[in-house]
């Protein structure tokens, strides 16, 4: 099993919890799915350490719950980069 997240703390915490509940190896890496190079590095690590990927569960996503008129360009870009580009990169 391999997981990623945007912060070292959350990845370490998730790896620790999953390791305690799983009988298989748990690999964790800090990676932001909005960054194609970080995703590429993650999959390189998975290939090297685990022999490849069998199943992908991509649950990264953000939602900004404002009216369109109240959205900032930053809100829009973060949503598109995470919810669309992140899926494509993975």
PDB file of N, CA and C in Angstrom:
ATOM      1  N   UNK A   1       0.852  -1.158   0.000  1.00  0.00           N
ATOM      2  CA  UNK A   1       0.000   0.000   0.000  1.00  0.00           C
ATOM      3  C   UNK A   1       0.903   1.228   0.000  1.00  0.00           C
ATOM      4  N   UNK A   2       0.536   2.221  -0.800  1.00  0.00           N
ATOM      5  CA  UNK A   2       1.280   3.478  -0.842  1.00  0.00           C
ATOM      6  C   UNK A   2       0.294   4.629  -0.733  1.00  0.00           C
ATOM      7  N   UNK A   3       0.700   5.646   0.009  1.00  0.00           N
ATOM      8  CA  UNK A   3      -0.147   6.823   0.165  1.00  0.00           C
ATOM      9  C   UNK A   3       0.699   8.075   0.002  1.00  0.00           C
ATOM     10  N   UNK A   4       0.024   9.162  -0.287  1.00  0.00           N
ATOM     11  CA  UNK A   4       0.713  10.448  -0.321  1.00  0.00           C
ATOM     12  C   UNK A   4      -0.193  11.507   0.287  1.00  0.00           C
ATOM     13  N   UNK A   5       0.418  12.615   0.618  1.00  0.00           N
ATOM     14  CA  UNK A   5      -0.296  13.765   1.145  1.00  0.00           C
ATOM     15  C   UNK A   5       0.593  14.979   0.994  1.00  0.00           C
ATOM     16  N   UNK A   6       0.041  16.148   1.258  1.00  0.00           N
ATOM     17  CA  UNK A   6       0.803  17.378   1.045  1.00  0.00           C
ATOM     18  C   UNK A   6       1.711  17.760   2.205  1.00  0.00           C
ATOM     19  N   UNK A   7       1.540  17.153   3.372  1.00  0.00           N
ATOM     20  CA  UNK A   7       2.400  17.533   4.496  1.00  0.00           C
ATOM     21  C   UNK A   7       3.057  16.304   5.117  1.00  0.00           C
ATOM     22  N   UNK A   8       4.282  16.482   5.546  1.00  0.00           N
ATOM     23  CA  UNK A   8       5.054  15.410   6.175  1.00  0.00           C
ATOM     24  C   UNK A   8       4.317  14.838   7.389  1.00  0.00           C
ATOM     25  N   UNK A   9       3.748  15.708   8.185  1.00  0.00           N
ATOM     26  CA  UNK A   9       3.066  15.280   9.410  1.00  0.00           C
ATOM     27  C   UNK A   9       1.883  14.365   9.119  1.00  0.00           C
ATOM     28  N   UNK A  10       1.044  14.755   8.161  1.00  0.00           N
ATOM     29  CA  UNK A  10      -0.137  13.933   7.872  1.00  0.00           C
ATOM     30  C   UNK A  10       0.251  12.607   7.223  1.00  0.00           C
ATOM     31  N   UNK A  11       1.283  12.624   6.388  1.00  0.00           N
ATOM     32  CA  UNK A  11       1.730  11.371   5.769  1.00  0.00           C
ATOM     33  C   UNK A  11       2.275  10.428   6.833  1.00  0.00           C
ATOM     34  N   UNK A  12       3.128  10.934   7.716  1.00  0.00           N
ATOM     35  CA  UNK A  12       3.686  10.096   8.780  1.00  0.00           C
ATOM     36  C   UNK A  12       2.585   9.532   9.675  1.00  0.00           C
ATOM     37  N   UNK A  13       1.618  10.357  10.014  1.00  0.00           N
ATOM     38  CA  UNK A  13       0.506   9.913  10.863  1.00  0.00           C
ATOM     39  C   UNK A  13      -0.297   8.816  10.167  1.00  0.00           C
ATOM     40  N   UNK A  14      -0.609   9.014   8.897  1.00  0.00           N
ATOM     41  CA  UNK A  14      -1.385   8.017   8.155  1.00  0.00           C
ATOM     42  C   UNK A  14      -0.616   6.712   8.010  1.00  0.00           C
ATOM     43  N   UNK A  15       0.688   6.806   7.708  1.00  0.00           N
ATOM     44  CA  UNK A  15       1.507   5.592   7.588  1.00  0.00           C
ATOM     45  C   UNK A  15       1.523   4.840   8.913  1.00  0.00           C
ATOM     46  N   UNK A  16       1.677   5.562  10.010  1.00  0.00           N
ATOM     47  CA  UNK A  16       1.698   4.935  11.328  1.00  0.00           C
ATOM     48  C   UNK A  16       0.385   4.211  11.616  1.00  0.00           C
ATOM     49  N   UNK A  17      -0.726   4.890  11.379  1.00  0.00           N
ATOM     50  CA  UNK A  17      -2.032   4.276  11.646  1.00  0.00           C
ATOM     51  C   UNK A  17      -2.283   3.066  10.756  1.00  0.00           C
ATOM     52  N   UNK A  18      -1.944   3.190   9.480  1.00  0.00           N
ATOM     53  CA  UNK A  18      -2.176   2.077   8.557  1.00  0.00           C
ATOM     54  C   UNK A  18      -1.251   0.903   8.842  1.00  0.00           C
ATOM     55  N   UNK A  19      -0.027   1.190   9.233  1.00  0.00           N
ATOM     56  CA  UNK A  19       0.924   0.129   9.575  1.00  0.00           C
ATOM     57  C   UNK A  19       0.416  -0.672  10.763  1.00  0.00           C
ATOM     58  N   UNK A  20      -0.181   0.007  11.727  1.00  0.00           N
ATOM     59  CA  UNK A  20      -0.721  -0.686  12.905  1.00  0.00           C
ATOM     60  C   UNK A  20      -1.912  -1.572  12.571  1.00  0.00           C
ATOM     61  N   UNK A  21      -2.616  -1.284  11.475  1.00  0.00           N
ATOM     62  CA  UNK A  21      -3.826  -2.029  11.136  1.00  0.00           C
ATOM     63  C   UNK A  21      -3.654  -2.973   9.955  1.00  0.00           C
ATOM     64  N   UNK A  22      -2.515  -2.889   9.293  1.00  0.00           N
ATOM     65  CA  UNK A  22      -2.316  -3.661   8.069  1.00  0.00           C
ATOM     66  C   UNK A  22      -1.211  -4.687   8.253  1.00  0.00           C
ATOM     67  N   UNK A  23      -1.316  -5.764   7.533  1.00  0.00           N
ATOM     68  CA  UNK A  23      -0.275  -6.780   7.559  1.00  0.00           C
ATOM     69  C   UNK A  23       0.709  -6.578   6.414  1.00  0.00           C
ATOM     70  N   UNK A  24       0.439  -5.607   5.551  1.00  0.00           N
ATOM     71  CA  UNK A  24       1.318  -5.376   4.412  1.00  0.00           C
ATOM     72  C   UNK A  24       2.145  -4.099   4.609  1.00  0.00           C
ATOM     73  N   UNK A  25       3.133  -3.946   3.769  1.00  0.00           N
ATOM     74  CA  UNK A  25       4.006  -2.780   3.815  1.00  0.00           C
ATOM     75  C   UNK A  25       3.206  -1.521   3.462  1.00  0.00           C
ATOM     76  N   UNK A  26       3.471  -0.437   4.175  1.00  0.00           N
ATOM     77  CA  UNK A  26       2.826   0.842   3.893  1.00  0.00           C
ATOM     78  C   UNK A  26       3.926   1.851   3.562  1.00  0.00           C
ATOM     79  N   UNK A  27       3.861   2.378   2.363  1.00  0.00           N
ATOM     80  CA  UNK A  27       4.836   3.350   1.878  1.00  0.00           C
ATOM     81  C   UNK A  27       4.161   4.714   1.835  1.00  0.00           C
ATOM     82  N   UNK A  28       4.800   5.714   2.394  1.00  0.00           N
ATOM     83  CA  UNK A  28       4.247   7.066   2.377  1.00  0.00           C
ATOM     84  C   UNK A  28       5.233   8.058   1.795  1.00  0.00           C
ATOM     85  N   UNK A  29       4.722   9.034   1.061  1.00  0.00           N
ATOM     86  CA  UNK A  29       5.561  10.069   0.458  1.00  0.00           C
ATOM     87  C   UNK A  29       4.788  11.380   0.412  1.00  0.00           C
ATOM     88  N   UNK A  30       5.485  12.455   0.700  1.00  0.00           N
ATOM     89  CA  UNK A  30       4.887  13.779   0.557  1.00  0.00           C
ATOM     90  C   UNK A  30       4.827  14.091  -0.932  1.00  0.00           C
ATOM     91  N   UNK A  31       3.632  14.372  -1.418  1.00  0.00           N
ATOM     92  CA  UNK A  31       3.434  14.722  -2.827  1.00  0.00           C
ATOM     93  C   UNK A  31       2.121  15.486  -2.958  1.00  0.00           C
ATOM     94  N   UNK A  32       2.152  16.509  -3.760  1.00  0.00           N
ATOM     95  CA  UNK A  32       0.956  17.309  -4.057  1.00  0.00           C
ATOM     96  C   UNK A  32       0.500  16.938  -5.460  1.00  0.00           C
ATOM     97  N   UNK A  33      -0.702  16.389  -5.584  1.00  0.00           N
ATOM     98  CA  UNK A  33      -1.175  15.929  -6.895  1.00  0.00           C
ATOM     99  C   UNK A  33      -1.345  17.064  -7.898  1.00  0.00           C
ATOM    100  N   UNK A  34      -1.276  18.302  -7.432  1.00  0.00           N
ATOM    101  CA  UNK A  34      -1.337  19.443  -8.354  1.00  0.00           C
ATOM    102  C   UNK A  34      -0.018  19.643  -9.096  1.00  0.00           C
ATOM    103  N   UNK A  35       1.019  18.951  -8.667  1.00  0.00           N
ATOM    104  CA  UNK A  35       2.361  19.111  -9.236  1.00  0.00           C
ATOM    105  C   UNK A  35       2.762  17.829  -9.965  1.00  0.00           C
ATOM    106  N   UNK A  36       2.797  17.883 -11.292  1.00  0.00           N
ATOM    107  CA  UNK A  36       3.053  16.674 -12.072  1.00  0.00           C
ATOM    108  C   UNK A  36       4.401  16.038 -11.754  1.00  0.00           C
ATOM    109  N   UNK A  37       5.419  16.822 -11.421  1.00  0.00           N
ATOM    110  CA  UNK A  37       6.727  16.242 -11.104  1.00  0.00           C
ATOM    111  C   UNK A  37       6.682  15.481  -9.780  1.00  0.00           C
ATOM    112  N   UNK A  38       5.897  15.970  -8.827  1.00  0.00           N
ATOM    113  CA  UNK A  38       5.769  15.265  -7.553  1.00  0.00           C
ATOM    114  C   UNK A  38       5.012  13.949  -7.733  1.00  0.00           C
ATOM    115  N   UNK A  39       4.010  13.959  -8.595  1.00  0.00           N
ATOM    116  CA  UNK A  39       3.267  12.724  -8.885  1.00  0.00           C
ATOM    117  C   UNK A  39       4.182  11.729  -9.606  1.00  0.00           C
ATOM    118  N   UNK A  40       4.961  12.218 -10.554  1.00  0.00           N
ATOM    119  CA  UNK A  40       5.891  11.338 -11.272  1.00  0.00           C
ATOM    120  C   UNK A  40       6.893  10.717 -10.302  1.00  0.00           C
ATOM    121  N   UNK A  41       7.413  11.518  -9.372  1.00  0.00           N
ATOM    122  CA  UNK A  41       8.349  10.993  -8.369  1.00  0.00           C
ATOM    123  C   UNK A  41       7.680   9.944  -7.480  1.00  0.00           C
ATOM    124  N   UNK A  42       6.429  10.185  -7.120  1.00  0.00           N
ATOM    125  CA  UNK A  42       5.681   9.220  -6.306  1.00  0.00           C
ATOM    126  C   UNK A  42       5.561   7.889  -7.028  1.00  0.00           C
ATOM    127  N   UNK A  43       5.168   7.915  -8.301  1.00  0.00           N
ATOM    128  CA  UNK A  43       4.984   6.671  -9.037  1.00  0.00           C
ATOM    129  C   UNK A  43       6.313   5.973  -9.330  1.00  0.00           C
ATOM    130  N   UNK A  44       7.379   6.727  -9.476  1.00  0.00           N
ATOM    131  CA  UNK A  44       8.714   6.129  -9.614  1.00  0.00           C
ATOM    132  C   UNK A  44       9.076   5.375  -8.341  1.00  0.00           C
ATOM    133  N   UNK A  45       8.808   6.005  -7.190  1.00  0.00           N
ATOM    134  CA  UNK A  45       9.067   5.353  -5.902  1.00  0.00           C
ATOM    135  C   UNK A  45       8.232   4.081  -5.751  1.00  0.00           C
ATOM    136  N   UNK A  46       6.971   4.161  -6.111  1.00  0.00           N
ATOM    137  CA  UNK A  46       6.081   2.992  -6.020  1.00  0.00           C
ATOM    138  C   UNK A  46       6.596   1.869  -6.917  1.00  0.00           C
ATOM    139  N   UNK A  47       6.992   2.219  -8.130  1.00  0.00           N
ATOM    140  CA  UNK A  47       7.535   1.200  -9.041  1.00  0.00           C
ATOM    141  C   UNK A  47       8.777   0.548  -8.442  1.00  0.00           C
ATOM    142  N   UNK A  48       9.666   1.361  -7.895  1.00  0.00           N
ATOM    143  CA  UNK A  48      10.933   0.866  -7.349  1.00  0.00           C
ATOM    144  C   UNK A  48      10.730   0.039  -6.077  1.00  0.00           C
ATOM    145  N   UNK A  49       9.920   0.534  -5.168  1.00  0.00           N
ATOM    146  CA  UNK A  49       9.754  -0.109  -3.860  1.00  0.00           C
ATOM    147  C   UNK A  49       8.725  -1.235  -3.840  1.00  0.00           C
ATOM    148  N   UNK A  50       7.742  -1.164  -4.748  1.00  0.00           N
ATOM    149  CA  UNK A  50       6.632  -2.115  -4.660  1.00  0.00           C
ATOM    150  C   UNK A  50       6.395  -2.882  -5.965  1.00  0.00           C
ATOM    151  N   UNK A  51       7.210  -2.601  -6.965  1.00  0.00           N
ATOM    152  CA  UNK A  51       7.065  -3.332  -8.219  1.00  0.00           C
ATOM    153  C   UNK A  51       5.925  -2.859  -9.096  1.00  0.00           C
ATOM    154  N   UNK A  52       5.392  -1.692  -8.825  1.00  0.00           N
ATOM    155  CA  UNK A  52       4.324  -1.140  -9.654  1.00  0.00           C
ATOM    156  C   UNK A  52       3.030  -0.955  -8.888  1.00  0.00           C
ATOM    157  N   UNK A  53       2.063  -0.487  -9.600  1.00  0.00           N
ATOM    158  CA  UNK A  53       0.762  -0.146  -9.027  1.00  0.00           C
ATOM    159  C   UNK A  53      -0.303  -1.083  -9.581  1.00  0.00           C
ATOM    160  N   UNK A  54      -1.141  -1.611  -8.704  1.00  0.00           N
ATOM    161  CA  UNK A  54      -2.246  -2.469  -9.132  1.00  0.00           C
ATOM    162  C   UNK A  54      -3.570  -1.726  -9.149  1.00  0.00           C
ATOM    163  N   UNK A  55      -3.800  -0.901  -8.130  1.00  0.00           N
ATOM    164  CA  UNK A  55      -5.063  -0.178  -7.990  1.00  0.00           C
ATOM    165  C   UNK A  55      -4.757   1.242  -7.527  1.00  0.00           C
ATOM    166  N   UNK A  56      -5.453   2.209  -8.090  1.00  0.00           N
ATOM    167  CA  UNK A  56      -5.307   3.599  -7.666  1.00  0.00           C
ATOM    168  C   UNK A  56      -6.635   4.083  -7.090  1.00  0.00           C
ATOM    169  N   UNK A  57      -6.586   4.578  -5.884  1.00  0.00           N
ATOM    170  CA  UNK A  57      -7.725   5.270  -5.285  1.00  0.00           C
ATOM    171  C   UNK A  57      -7.291   6.715  -5.141  1.00  0.00           C
ATOM    172  N   UNK A  58      -7.811   7.548  -6.000  1.00  0.00           N
ATOM    173  CA  UNK A  58      -7.423   8.953  -6.010  1.00  0.00           C
ATOM    174  C   UNK A  58      -8.548   9.754  -5.365  1.00  0.00           C
ATOM    175  N   UNK A  59      -8.379  10.082  -4.084  1.00  0.00           N
ATOM    176  CA  UNK A  59      -9.445  10.793  -3.381  1.00  0.00           C
ATOM    177  C   UNK A  59      -9.064  12.230  -3.043  1.00  0.00           C
ATOM    178  N   UNK A  60      -8.039  12.748  -3.701  1.00  0.00           N
ATOM    179  CA  UNK A  60      -7.686  14.151  -3.490  1.00  0.00           C
ATOM    180  C   UNK A  60      -8.744  15.020  -4.160  1.00  0.00           C
ATOM    181  N   UNK A  61      -9.222  16.003  -3.444  1.00  0.00           N
ATOM    182  CA  UNK A  61     -10.205  16.902  -4.017  1.00  0.00           C
ATOM    183  C   UNK A  61     -10.458  18.069  -3.086  1.00  0.00           C
ATOM    184  N   UNK A  62     -10.809  19.176  -3.667  1.00  0.00           N
ATOM    185  CA  UNK A  62     -11.155  20.353  -2.879  1.00  0.00           C
ATOM    186  C   UNK A  62     -12.474  20.914  -3.384  1.00  0.00           C
ATOM    187  N   UNK A  63     -13.152  21.606  -2.519  1.00  0.00           N
ATOM    188  CA  UNK A  63     -14.378  22.293  -2.881  1.00  0.00           C
ATOM    189  C   UNK A  63     -14.382  23.664  -2.247  1.00  0.00           C
ATOM    190  N   UNK A  64     -14.684  24.656  -3.023  1.00  0.00           N
ATOM    191  CA  UNK A  64     -14.817  26.016  -2.510  1.00  0.00           C
ATOM    192  C   UNK A  64     -16.289  26.365  -2.661  1.00  0.00           C
ATOM    193  N   UNK A  65     -16.965  26.493  -1.548  1.00  0.00           N
ATOM    194  CA  UNK A  65     -18.413  26.647  -1.568  1.00  0.00           C
ATOM    195  C   UNK A  65     -18.791  28.110  -1.424  1.00  0.00           C
ATOM    196  N   UNK A  66     -18.663  28.798  -2.545  1.00  0.00           N
ATOM    197  CA  UNK A  66     -19.021  30.209  -2.657  1.00  0.00           C
ATOM    198  C   UNK A  66     -19.775  30.386  -3.966  1.00  0.00           C
ATOM    199  N   UNK A  67     -20.444  31.498  -4.072  1.00  0.00           N
ATOM    200  CA  UNK A  67     -21.058  31.786  -5.364  1.00  0.00           C
ATOM    201  C   UNK A  67     -19.938  32.087  -6.362  1.00  0.00           C
ATOM    202  N   UNK A  68     -20.213  31.871  -7.627  1.00  0.00           N
ATOM    203  CA  UNK A  68     -19.219  32.128  -8.661  1.00  0.00           C
ATOM    204  C   UNK A  68     -18.698  33.552  -8.583  1.00  0.00           C
ATOM    205  N   UNK A  69     -19.550  34.479  -8.290  1.00  0.00           N
ATOM    206  CA  UNK A  69     -19.149  35.884  -8.201  1.00  0.00           C
ATOM    207  C   UNK A  69     -18.158  36.141  -7.068  1.00  0.00           C
ATOM    208  N   UNK A  70     -18.186  35.286  -6.048  1.00  0.00           N
ATOM    209  CA  UNK A  70     -17.296  35.464  -4.892  1.00  0.00           C
ATOM    210  C   UNK A  70     -16.005  34.650  -4.972  1.00  0.00           C
ATOM    211  N   UNK A  71     -15.889  33.794  -5.992  1.00  0.00           N
ATOM    212  CA  UNK A  71     -14.663  33.003  -6.146  1.00  0.00           C
ATOM    213  C   UNK A  71     -13.504  33.889  -6.574  1.00  0.00           C
ATOM    214  N   UNK A  72     -12.345  33.625  -5.983  1.00  0.00           N
ATOM    215  CA  UNK A  72     -11.131  34.320  -6.434  1.00  0.00           C
ATOM    216  C   UNK A  72     -10.461  33.472  -7.512  1.00  0.00           C
ATOM    217  N   UNK A  73      -9.549  34.065  -8.226  1.00  0.00           N
ATOM    218  CA  UNK A  73      -8.788  33.319  -9.224  1.00  0.00           C
ATOM    219  C   UNK A  73      -8.004  32.203  -8.531  1.00  0.00           C
ATOM    220  N   UNK A  74      -7.467  32.479  -7.347  1.00  0.00           N
ATOM    221  CA  UNK A  74      -6.739  31.467  -6.587  1.00  0.00           C
ATOM    222  C   UNK A  74      -7.649  30.294  -6.216  1.00  0.00           C
ATOM    223  N   UNK A  75      -8.887  30.580  -5.781  1.00  0.00           N
ATOM    224  CA  UNK A  75      -9.855  29.521  -5.481  1.00  0.00           C
ATOM    225  C   UNK A  75     -10.079  28.643  -6.713  1.00  0.00           C
ATOM    226  N   UNK A  76     -10.280  29.291  -7.840  1.00  0.00           N
ATOM    227  CA  UNK A  76     -10.551  28.584  -9.097  1.00  0.00           C
ATOM    228  C   UNK A  76      -9.365  27.709  -9.495  1.00  0.00           C
ATOM    229  N   UNK A  77      -8.169  28.274  -9.454  1.00  0.00           N
ATOM    230  CA  UNK A  77      -6.985  27.528  -9.862  1.00  0.00           C
ATOM    231  C   UNK A  77      -6.720  26.339  -8.946  1.00  0.00           C
ATOM    232  N   UNK A  78      -6.867  26.534  -7.641  1.00  0.00           N
ATOM    233  CA  UNK A  78      -6.649  25.440  -6.690  1.00  0.00           C
ATOM    234  C   UNK A  78      -7.634  24.298  -6.958  1.00  0.00           C
ATOM    235  N   UNK A  79      -8.879  24.637  -7.239  1.00  0.00           N
ATOM    236  CA  UNK A  79      -9.899  23.624  -7.514  1.00  0.00           C
ATOM    237  C   UNK A  79      -9.594  22.865  -8.798  1.00  0.00           C
ATOM    238  N   UNK A  80      -9.302  23.584  -9.874  1.00  0.00           N
ATOM    239  CA  UNK A  80      -9.010  22.953 -11.168  1.00  0.00           C
ATOM    240  C   UNK A  80      -7.737  22.116 -11.088  1.00  0.00           C
ATOM    241  N   UNK A  81      -6.695  22.676 -10.455  1.00  0.00           N
ATOM    242  CA  UNK A  81      -5.421  21.951 -10.370  1.00  0.00           C
ATOM    243  C   UNK A  81      -5.552  20.662  -9.559  1.00  0.00           C
ATOM    244  N   UNK A  82      -6.334  20.700  -8.487  1.00  0.00           N
ATOM    245  CA  UNK A  82      -6.490  19.504  -7.654  1.00  0.00           C
ATOM    246  C   UNK A  82      -7.472  18.514  -8.272  1.00  0.00           C
ATOM    247  N   UNK A  83      -8.649  18.976  -8.612  1.00  0.00           N
ATOM    248  CA  UNK A  83      -9.732  18.091  -9.020  1.00  0.00           C
ATOM    249  C   UNK A  83      -9.628  17.581 -10.452  1.00  0.00           C
ATOM    250  N   UNK A  84      -8.975  18.339 -11.323  1.00  0.00           N
ATOM    251  CA  UNK A  84      -8.836  17.891 -12.721  1.00  0.00           C
ATOM    252  C   UNK A  84      -7.396  17.502 -13.041  1.00  0.00           C
ATOM    253  N   UNK A  85      -6.470  18.418 -12.865  1.00  0.00           N
ATOM    254  CA  UNK A  85      -5.073  18.124 -13.200  1.00  0.00           C
ATOM    255  C   UNK A  85      -4.529  16.993 -12.340  1.00  0.00           C
ATOM    256  N   UNK A  86      -4.867  16.972 -11.057  1.00  0.00           N
ATOM    257  CA  UNK A  86      -4.387  15.915 -10.180  1.00  0.00           C
ATOM    258  C   UNK A  86      -4.808  14.535 -10.626  1.00  0.00           C
ATOM    259  N   UNK A  87      -6.034  14.419 -11.108  1.00  0.00           N
ATOM    260  CA  UNK A  87      -6.518  13.139 -11.624  1.00  0.00           C
ATOM    261  C   UNK A  87      -5.741  12.755 -12.886  1.00  0.00           C
ATOM    262  N   UNK A  88      -5.556  13.716 -13.760  1.00  0.00           N
ATOM    263  CA  UNK A  88      -4.813  13.462 -14.995  1.00  0.00           C
ATOM    264  C   UNK A  88      -3.373  13.036 -14.703  1.00  0.00           C
ATOM    265  N   UNK A  89      -2.703  13.730 -13.801  1.00  0.00           N
ATOM    266  CA  UNK A  89      -1.310  13.390 -13.477  1.00  0.00           C
ATOM    267  C   UNK A  89      -1.184  11.987 -12.897  1.00  0.00           C
ATOM    268  N   UNK A  90      -2.152  11.615 -12.065  1.00  0.00           N
ATOM    269  CA  UNK A  90      -2.105  10.259 -11.476  1.00  0.00           C
ATOM    270  C   UNK A  90      -2.452   9.211 -12.514  1.00  0.00           C
TER     271      UNK A  90
END
